[in-house]
N, C-alpha and C. Protein backbone atom coordinates (compact mmCIF):
# COMPACT_ATOMS: atom_id res chain seq x y z
N MET A 1 -13.57 11.46 -16.65
CA MET A 1 -13.24 10.08 -16.39
C MET A 1 -12.63 9.97 -14.99
N ARG A 2 -12.97 8.94 -14.27
CA ARG A 2 -12.51 8.76 -12.90
C ARG A 2 -10.98 8.85 -12.81
N GLY A 3 -10.51 9.73 -11.94
CA GLY A 3 -9.08 9.91 -11.73
C GLY A 3 -8.45 11.00 -12.56
N ASP A 4 -9.21 11.55 -13.53
CA ASP A 4 -8.66 12.65 -14.33
C ASP A 4 -8.42 13.87 -13.46
N VAL A 5 -7.40 14.61 -13.80
CA VAL A 5 -7.13 15.87 -13.13
C VAL A 5 -7.73 16.97 -13.99
N LEU A 6 -8.53 17.82 -13.37
CA LEU A 6 -9.23 18.89 -14.06
C LEU A 6 -8.53 20.21 -13.78
N PHE A 7 -8.11 20.87 -14.84
CA PHE A 7 -7.47 22.18 -14.72
C PHE A 7 -8.46 23.24 -15.15
N PHE A 8 -8.63 24.26 -14.33
CA PHE A 8 -9.58 25.32 -14.60
C PHE A 8 -8.85 26.63 -14.88
N LYS A 9 -9.30 27.34 -15.90
CA LYS A 9 -8.81 28.69 -16.16
C LYS A 9 -9.68 29.64 -15.35
N GLY A 10 -9.08 30.72 -14.90
CA GLY A 10 -9.83 31.69 -14.12
C GLY A 10 -10.79 32.48 -14.99
N GLY A 11 -11.67 33.20 -14.33
CA GLY A 11 -12.67 33.99 -15.03
C GLY A 11 -12.20 35.37 -15.45
N GLY A 12 -10.96 35.72 -15.15
CA GLY A 12 -10.44 37.01 -15.58
C GLY A 12 -10.47 38.09 -14.52
N GLY A 13 -10.94 37.77 -13.34
CA GLY A 13 -10.94 38.75 -12.25
C GLY A 13 -9.53 39.02 -11.75
N LEU A 14 -9.41 39.98 -10.87
CA LEU A 14 -8.09 40.39 -10.36
C LEU A 14 -7.35 39.23 -9.71
N ALA A 15 -8.02 38.46 -8.86
CA ALA A 15 -7.36 37.33 -8.20
C ALA A 15 -6.87 36.32 -9.23
N ASP A 16 -7.68 36.02 -10.24
CA ASP A 16 -7.28 35.08 -11.28
C ASP A 16 -6.08 35.59 -12.07
N ARG A 17 -6.08 36.88 -12.37
CA ARG A 17 -4.95 37.46 -13.11
C ARG A 17 -3.67 37.41 -12.27
N LEU A 18 -3.78 37.67 -10.97
CA LEU A 18 -2.61 37.60 -10.09
C LEU A 18 -2.08 36.17 -10.00
N ILE A 19 -2.98 35.20 -9.86
CA ILE A 19 -2.55 33.79 -9.81
C ILE A 19 -1.85 33.41 -11.10
N SER A 20 -2.44 33.75 -12.24
CA SER A 20 -1.82 33.42 -13.53
C SER A 20 -0.46 34.08 -13.69
N TRP A 21 -0.35 35.35 -13.28
CA TRP A 21 0.93 36.05 -13.39
C TRP A 21 1.96 35.40 -12.48
N ARG A 22 1.60 35.16 -11.22
CA ARG A 22 2.55 34.63 -10.24
C ARG A 22 2.99 33.21 -10.58
N THR A 23 2.09 32.42 -11.16
CA THR A 23 2.39 31.01 -11.43
C THR A 23 2.78 30.76 -12.89
N ARG A 24 2.87 31.82 -13.65
CA ARG A 24 3.33 31.76 -15.05
C ARG A 24 2.54 30.74 -15.88
N GLY A 25 1.23 30.89 -15.88
CA GLY A 25 0.41 29.99 -16.66
C GLY A 25 -1.05 30.39 -16.66
N ARG A 26 -1.85 29.61 -17.35
CA ARG A 26 -3.26 29.96 -17.55
C ARG A 26 -4.20 29.36 -16.52
N TYR A 27 -3.74 28.39 -15.73
CA TYR A 27 -4.65 27.69 -14.83
C TYR A 27 -4.62 28.29 -13.43
N THR A 28 -5.81 28.38 -12.82
CA THR A 28 -5.91 28.98 -11.49
C THR A 28 -6.49 28.03 -10.45
N HIS A 29 -6.94 26.86 -10.89
CA HIS A 29 -7.54 25.91 -9.96
C HIS A 29 -7.41 24.50 -10.54
N VAL A 30 -7.36 23.50 -9.66
CA VAL A 30 -7.22 22.11 -10.09
C VAL A 30 -7.99 21.22 -9.12
N GLU A 31 -8.63 20.16 -9.67
CA GLU A 31 -9.41 19.20 -8.89
C GLU A 31 -9.25 17.82 -9.52
N VAL A 32 -9.87 16.81 -8.90
CA VAL A 32 -9.84 15.44 -9.44
C VAL A 32 -11.27 14.97 -9.69
N ASP A 33 -11.51 14.45 -10.89
CA ASP A 33 -12.80 13.93 -11.32
C ASP A 33 -13.03 12.56 -10.72
N LEU A 34 -14.20 12.35 -10.12
CA LEU A 34 -14.53 11.04 -9.54
C LEU A 34 -15.29 10.16 -10.51
N GLY A 35 -15.55 10.65 -11.71
CA GLY A 35 -16.17 9.84 -12.74
C GLY A 35 -17.68 9.68 -12.64
N ASP A 36 -18.29 10.37 -11.69
CA ASP A 36 -19.74 10.28 -11.51
C ASP A 36 -20.40 11.65 -11.58
N GLY A 37 -19.72 12.60 -12.21
CA GLY A 37 -20.24 13.96 -12.29
C GLY A 37 -19.82 14.84 -11.14
N THR A 38 -19.01 14.27 -10.20
CA THR A 38 -18.51 15.05 -9.08
C THR A 38 -16.98 15.06 -9.10
N ALA A 39 -16.43 16.00 -8.37
CA ALA A 39 -14.98 16.12 -8.22
C ALA A 39 -14.67 16.41 -6.76
N ILE A 40 -13.43 16.15 -6.38
CA ILE A 40 -12.93 16.55 -5.07
C ILE A 40 -11.87 17.60 -5.30
N GLY A 41 -11.99 18.70 -4.55
CA GLY A 41 -11.02 19.77 -4.66
C GLY A 41 -11.01 20.61 -3.40
N ALA A 42 -9.95 21.37 -3.22
CA ALA A 42 -9.84 22.28 -2.09
C ALA A 42 -10.31 23.65 -2.55
N VAL A 43 -11.35 24.12 -1.89
CA VAL A 43 -11.91 25.45 -2.16
C VAL A 43 -11.93 26.22 -0.85
N ARG A 44 -12.33 27.47 -0.88
CA ARG A 44 -12.25 28.32 0.32
C ARG A 44 -12.91 27.72 1.55
N ARG A 45 -13.96 26.95 1.37
CA ARG A 45 -14.65 26.36 2.54
C ARG A 45 -14.02 25.04 2.97
N GLY A 46 -12.96 24.60 2.28
CA GLY A 46 -12.26 23.37 2.64
C GLY A 46 -12.28 22.36 1.51
N VAL A 47 -11.86 21.14 1.82
CA VAL A 47 -11.85 20.07 0.81
C VAL A 47 -13.27 19.53 0.70
N THR A 48 -13.82 19.59 -0.51
CA THR A 48 -15.21 19.19 -0.72
C THR A 48 -15.34 18.28 -1.93
N ARG A 49 -16.43 17.53 -1.90
CA ARG A 49 -16.87 16.78 -3.07
C ARG A 49 -18.09 17.53 -3.60
N HIS A 50 -18.06 17.89 -4.87
CA HIS A 50 -19.10 18.74 -5.42
C HIS A 50 -19.31 18.42 -6.91
N PRO A 51 -20.46 18.83 -7.46
CA PRO A 51 -20.72 18.59 -8.88
C PRO A 51 -19.74 19.35 -9.76
N ILE A 52 -19.42 18.76 -10.89
CA ILE A 52 -18.56 19.41 -11.88
C ILE A 52 -19.46 20.13 -12.87
N ASP A 53 -19.14 21.37 -13.18
CA ASP A 53 -19.86 22.10 -14.22
C ASP A 53 -19.26 21.68 -15.56
N LEU A 54 -19.85 20.64 -16.15
CA LEU A 54 -19.30 20.09 -17.40
C LEU A 54 -19.50 21.02 -18.58
N SER A 55 -20.33 22.05 -18.43
CA SER A 55 -20.50 23.00 -19.52
C SER A 55 -19.42 24.08 -19.50
N ASN A 56 -18.63 24.10 -18.44
CA ASN A 56 -17.57 25.10 -18.31
C ASN A 56 -16.45 24.79 -19.29
N PRO A 57 -16.27 25.63 -20.30
CA PRO A 57 -15.24 25.34 -21.31
C PRO A 57 -13.82 25.54 -20.82
N ARG A 58 -13.68 26.00 -19.56
CA ARG A 58 -12.35 26.22 -19.02
C ARG A 58 -11.76 24.99 -18.36
N ILE A 59 -12.41 23.86 -18.51
CA ILE A 59 -11.91 22.62 -17.91
C ILE A 59 -11.03 21.89 -18.92
N HIS A 60 -9.89 21.46 -18.46
CA HIS A 60 -9.02 20.60 -19.28
C HIS A 60 -8.74 19.36 -18.45
N ALA A 61 -8.92 18.20 -19.02
CA ALA A 61 -8.73 16.96 -18.27
C ALA A 61 -7.71 16.07 -18.96
N PHE A 62 -7.01 15.28 -18.17
CA PHE A 62 -6.13 14.25 -18.72
C PHE A 62 -6.16 13.07 -17.77
N SER A 63 -5.93 11.90 -18.31
CA SER A 63 -5.89 10.69 -17.50
C SER A 63 -4.44 10.35 -17.19
N PRO A 64 -4.08 10.18 -15.91
CA PRO A 64 -2.72 9.76 -15.60
C PRO A 64 -2.44 8.40 -16.24
N GLN A 65 -1.27 8.25 -16.79
CA GLN A 65 -0.85 6.97 -17.37
C GLN A 65 -0.30 6.11 -16.24
N THR A 66 -1.19 5.44 -15.57
CA THR A 66 -0.84 4.66 -14.39
C THR A 66 -1.82 3.50 -14.27
N THR A 67 -1.73 2.76 -13.19
CA THR A 67 -2.63 1.62 -13.02
C THR A 67 -3.92 2.06 -12.35
N ARG A 68 -4.98 1.34 -12.60
CA ARG A 68 -6.28 1.61 -11.99
C ARG A 68 -6.18 1.49 -10.47
N GLU A 69 -5.37 0.55 -9.97
CA GLU A 69 -5.22 0.37 -8.52
C GLU A 69 -4.62 1.60 -7.87
N ARG A 70 -3.60 2.18 -8.51
CA ARG A 70 -2.97 3.38 -7.93
C ARG A 70 -3.93 4.56 -7.96
N ILE A 71 -4.70 4.69 -9.04
CA ILE A 71 -5.69 5.76 -9.10
C ILE A 71 -6.71 5.60 -7.98
N GLU A 72 -7.19 4.38 -7.77
CA GLU A 72 -8.17 4.15 -6.71
C GLU A 72 -7.58 4.43 -5.33
N THR A 73 -6.31 4.10 -5.12
CA THR A 73 -5.65 4.41 -3.85
C THR A 73 -5.58 5.93 -3.66
N GLY A 74 -5.28 6.65 -4.74
CA GLY A 74 -5.27 8.11 -4.69
C GLY A 74 -6.64 8.68 -4.39
N ILE A 75 -7.67 8.09 -4.96
CA ILE A 75 -9.03 8.57 -4.72
C ILE A 75 -9.44 8.31 -3.27
N VAL A 76 -9.00 7.19 -2.69
CA VAL A 76 -9.25 6.94 -1.26
C VAL A 76 -8.63 8.06 -0.43
N PHE A 77 -7.40 8.46 -0.75
CA PHE A 77 -6.76 9.59 -0.05
C PHE A 77 -7.64 10.84 -0.15
N LEU A 78 -8.12 11.14 -1.36
CA LEU A 78 -8.95 12.33 -1.55
C LEU A 78 -10.24 12.25 -0.73
N GLN A 79 -10.88 11.09 -0.75
CA GLN A 79 -12.14 10.93 -0.01
C GLN A 79 -11.92 11.11 1.49
N GLU A 80 -10.78 10.64 1.98
CA GLU A 80 -10.47 10.81 3.40
C GLU A 80 -10.16 12.27 3.74
N ALA A 81 -9.73 13.05 2.74
CA ALA A 81 -9.41 14.46 2.96
C ALA A 81 -10.65 15.35 2.95
N VAL A 82 -11.78 14.84 2.43
CA VAL A 82 -13.00 15.65 2.40
C VAL A 82 -13.32 16.08 3.83
N GLY A 83 -13.57 17.37 3.98
CA GLY A 83 -13.84 17.94 5.30
C GLY A 83 -12.63 18.61 5.91
N ASP A 84 -11.42 18.35 5.36
CA ASP A 84 -10.23 19.04 5.86
C ASP A 84 -10.33 20.53 5.50
N ARG A 85 -9.58 21.34 6.22
CA ARG A 85 -9.60 22.79 6.02
C ARG A 85 -8.86 23.21 4.77
N TYR A 86 -9.20 24.42 4.27
CA TYR A 86 -8.44 25.05 3.21
C TYR A 86 -7.18 25.64 3.82
N SER A 87 -6.06 25.52 3.14
CA SER A 87 -4.80 26.00 3.70
C SER A 87 -4.48 27.41 3.21
N TRP A 88 -4.83 28.37 4.03
CA TRP A 88 -4.42 29.74 3.72
C TRP A 88 -2.92 29.89 3.92
N GLY A 89 -2.31 28.99 4.69
CA GLY A 89 -0.85 28.99 4.83
C GLY A 89 -0.17 28.75 3.50
N ASP A 90 -0.76 27.90 2.64
CA ASP A 90 -0.18 27.66 1.31
C ASP A 90 -0.21 28.93 0.47
N ILE A 91 -1.27 29.71 0.62
CA ILE A 91 -1.36 30.97 -0.12
C ILE A 91 -0.31 31.94 0.42
N LEU A 92 -0.16 31.99 1.75
CA LEU A 92 0.87 32.83 2.35
C LEU A 92 2.26 32.41 1.87
N ASN A 93 2.49 31.10 1.75
CA ASN A 93 3.77 30.61 1.24
C ASN A 93 4.07 31.19 -0.15
N GLN A 94 3.05 31.24 -1.01
CA GLN A 94 3.25 31.79 -2.36
C GLN A 94 3.64 33.26 -2.30
N VAL A 95 3.01 34.01 -1.42
CA VAL A 95 3.33 35.43 -1.27
C VAL A 95 4.77 35.59 -0.77
N LEU A 96 5.16 34.76 0.20
CA LEU A 96 6.50 34.87 0.77
C LEU A 96 7.60 34.54 -0.24
N THR A 97 7.30 33.74 -1.26
CA THR A 97 8.32 33.43 -2.26
C THR A 97 8.70 34.66 -3.07
N LEU A 98 7.92 35.72 -3.00
CA LEU A 98 8.24 36.96 -3.71
C LEU A 98 9.32 37.76 -2.98
N LEU A 99 9.58 37.41 -1.72
CA LEU A 99 10.58 38.14 -0.94
C LEU A 99 11.99 37.73 -1.36
N PRO A 100 12.97 38.59 -1.15
CA PRO A 100 14.33 38.31 -1.63
C PRO A 100 15.10 37.28 -0.81
N PHE A 101 14.55 36.78 0.27
CA PHE A 101 15.24 35.77 1.08
C PHE A 101 14.46 34.47 1.03
N ALA A 102 15.12 33.38 1.41
CA ALA A 102 14.46 32.07 1.41
C ALA A 102 13.38 32.06 2.49
N PRO A 103 12.12 31.90 2.10
CA PRO A 103 11.05 31.98 3.09
C PRO A 103 10.92 30.72 3.93
N VAL A 104 10.30 30.89 5.06
CA VAL A 104 9.88 29.77 5.88
C VAL A 104 8.62 29.22 5.23
N VAL A 105 8.49 27.90 5.16
CA VAL A 105 7.29 27.31 4.57
C VAL A 105 6.35 26.91 5.69
N PHE A 106 5.14 27.43 5.63
CA PHE A 106 4.10 27.10 6.60
C PHE A 106 3.39 25.84 6.12
N ALA A 107 3.32 24.84 6.96
CA ALA A 107 2.62 23.59 6.63
C ALA A 107 1.62 23.29 7.74
N GLU A 108 0.43 22.89 7.33
CA GLU A 108 -0.61 22.55 8.28
C GLU A 108 -1.06 21.12 8.02
N ARG A 109 -1.26 20.37 9.08
CA ARG A 109 -1.81 19.02 8.92
C ARG A 109 -3.29 19.13 8.59
N HIS A 110 -3.72 18.30 7.68
CA HIS A 110 -5.13 18.23 7.29
C HIS A 110 -5.66 19.57 6.79
N ALA A 111 -4.83 20.28 6.02
CA ALA A 111 -5.24 21.53 5.38
C ALA A 111 -4.52 21.60 4.03
N PHE A 112 -5.27 21.93 2.98
CA PHE A 112 -4.73 21.92 1.63
C PHE A 112 -5.24 23.10 0.83
N ASP A 113 -4.41 23.62 -0.09
CA ASP A 113 -4.96 24.41 -1.17
C ASP A 113 -5.14 23.45 -2.34
N CYS A 114 -5.69 23.92 -3.45
CA CYS A 114 -6.08 22.99 -4.51
C CYS A 114 -4.90 22.20 -5.08
N SER A 115 -3.80 22.86 -5.35
CA SER A 115 -2.67 22.17 -5.98
C SER A 115 -1.89 21.29 -5.00
N ASP A 116 -1.87 21.67 -3.74
CA ASP A 116 -1.26 20.82 -2.71
C ASP A 116 -2.03 19.50 -2.63
N LEU A 117 -3.36 19.57 -2.59
CA LEU A 117 -4.20 18.37 -2.52
C LEU A 117 -4.00 17.48 -3.75
N VAL A 118 -4.05 18.07 -4.94
CA VAL A 118 -3.92 17.28 -6.17
C VAL A 118 -2.48 16.79 -6.33
N GLY A 119 -1.50 17.56 -5.88
CA GLY A 119 -0.12 17.08 -5.92
C GLY A 119 0.06 15.82 -5.09
N HIS A 120 -0.54 15.81 -3.89
CA HIS A 120 -0.49 14.60 -3.06
C HIS A 120 -1.18 13.43 -3.77
N TYR A 121 -2.33 13.71 -4.38
CA TYR A 121 -3.05 12.66 -5.14
C TYR A 121 -2.14 12.09 -6.23
N LEU A 122 -1.46 12.96 -6.97
CA LEU A 122 -0.60 12.50 -8.07
C LEU A 122 0.61 11.72 -7.58
N GLU A 123 1.11 12.06 -6.40
CA GLU A 123 2.20 11.27 -5.83
C GLU A 123 1.74 9.84 -5.59
N ILE A 124 0.49 9.68 -5.17
CA ILE A 124 -0.06 8.35 -4.91
C ILE A 124 -0.46 7.65 -6.21
N ALA A 125 -1.20 8.37 -7.06
CA ALA A 125 -1.76 7.76 -8.28
C ALA A 125 -0.73 7.58 -9.38
N GLY A 126 0.32 8.38 -9.37
CA GLY A 126 1.32 8.28 -10.43
C GLY A 126 0.84 8.92 -11.71
N GLY A 127 1.60 8.69 -12.78
CA GLY A 127 1.22 9.23 -14.07
C GLY A 127 1.81 10.59 -14.37
N VAL A 128 2.17 11.33 -13.34
CA VAL A 128 2.81 12.64 -13.49
C VAL A 128 3.95 12.68 -12.48
N ASP A 129 5.14 13.02 -12.94
CA ASP A 129 6.31 13.04 -12.07
C ASP A 129 6.35 14.34 -11.28
N VAL A 130 5.68 14.36 -10.12
CA VAL A 130 5.67 15.56 -9.31
C VAL A 130 7.00 15.76 -8.57
N SER A 131 7.82 14.72 -8.49
CA SER A 131 9.12 14.88 -7.84
C SER A 131 10.01 15.82 -8.64
N SER A 132 9.75 15.97 -9.93
CA SER A 132 10.55 16.87 -10.76
C SER A 132 10.27 18.34 -10.45
N LEU A 133 9.25 18.61 -9.66
CA LEU A 133 8.89 19.99 -9.36
C LEU A 133 9.87 20.64 -8.39
N GLU A 134 10.62 19.83 -7.63
CA GLU A 134 11.64 20.33 -6.71
C GLU A 134 11.08 21.37 -5.74
N GLN A 135 9.85 21.17 -5.30
CA GLN A 135 9.22 22.08 -4.35
C GLN A 135 8.48 21.27 -3.31
N THR A 136 8.31 21.86 -2.15
CA THR A 136 7.45 21.21 -1.17
C THR A 136 6.02 21.27 -1.69
N PRO A 137 5.17 20.34 -1.29
CA PRO A 137 3.79 20.35 -1.80
C PRO A 137 3.07 21.68 -1.54
N GLN A 138 3.43 22.37 -0.46
CA GLN A 138 2.78 23.63 -0.13
C GLN A 138 3.12 24.75 -1.11
N LEU A 139 4.14 24.56 -1.95
CA LEU A 139 4.52 25.59 -2.91
C LEU A 139 4.14 25.24 -4.35
N VAL A 140 3.61 24.06 -4.57
CA VAL A 140 3.22 23.65 -5.93
C VAL A 140 1.96 24.40 -6.33
N THR A 141 1.91 24.83 -7.60
CA THR A 141 0.78 25.58 -8.13
C THR A 141 0.05 24.76 -9.19
N PRO A 142 -1.17 25.16 -9.55
CA PRO A 142 -1.85 24.46 -10.65
C PRO A 142 -1.01 24.44 -11.93
N ASN A 143 -0.29 25.51 -12.20
CA ASN A 143 0.51 25.56 -13.42
C ASN A 143 1.77 24.71 -13.32
N ASP A 144 2.32 24.53 -12.12
CA ASP A 144 3.42 23.58 -11.95
C ASP A 144 2.94 22.18 -12.31
N LEU A 145 1.75 21.82 -11.84
CA LEU A 145 1.19 20.49 -12.15
C LEU A 145 0.91 20.36 -13.64
N ALA A 146 0.41 21.42 -14.26
CA ALA A 146 0.14 21.37 -15.70
C ALA A 146 1.43 21.20 -16.49
N ARG A 147 2.50 21.89 -16.08
CA ARG A 147 3.78 21.73 -16.76
C ARG A 147 4.32 20.32 -16.58
N ALA A 148 4.22 19.78 -15.35
CA ALA A 148 4.69 18.42 -15.09
C ALA A 148 3.91 17.40 -15.90
N ALA A 149 2.64 17.71 -16.19
CA ALA A 149 1.79 16.82 -16.98
C ALA A 149 2.00 17.00 -18.49
N GLY A 150 2.83 17.98 -18.85
CA GLY A 150 3.09 18.22 -20.27
C GLY A 150 2.00 18.99 -20.98
N LEU A 151 1.19 19.71 -20.24
CA LEU A 151 0.10 20.47 -20.88
C LEU A 151 0.58 21.74 -21.56
N PHE A 152 1.74 22.24 -21.15
CA PHE A 152 2.38 23.39 -21.84
C PHE A 152 3.81 23.48 -21.41
């Protein structure tokens, strides 16, 4: 459904297991459904609009409890982000949080990882209180968003 947030479980590879372990949850990727069989998400090649594999049983969707106008405003933000770069700095930020001192947060304009992009969307669209995460958008993970949405 248009505006739903799609949470994906990893396929069980090493990277997926590391993401699940580090983020204390089952989800390794997150995108937004555009309601026409496509989604917008940040993947390695950047922010893209692409078909959703609806047969993938690892998808979990929920509709934000918000107004249609706010969802559409959030979708405009996502559409404008298509073509932006993938933020490897966000991934580096996650690694740096493992260090015993307070890390410097790397932020890039017009660059997102999947949860940073969807976190910004949720700030606009509402329905999930991302302010409760107490983290900069560059440190939010798919599982942080799932917890804020009450999925576990």
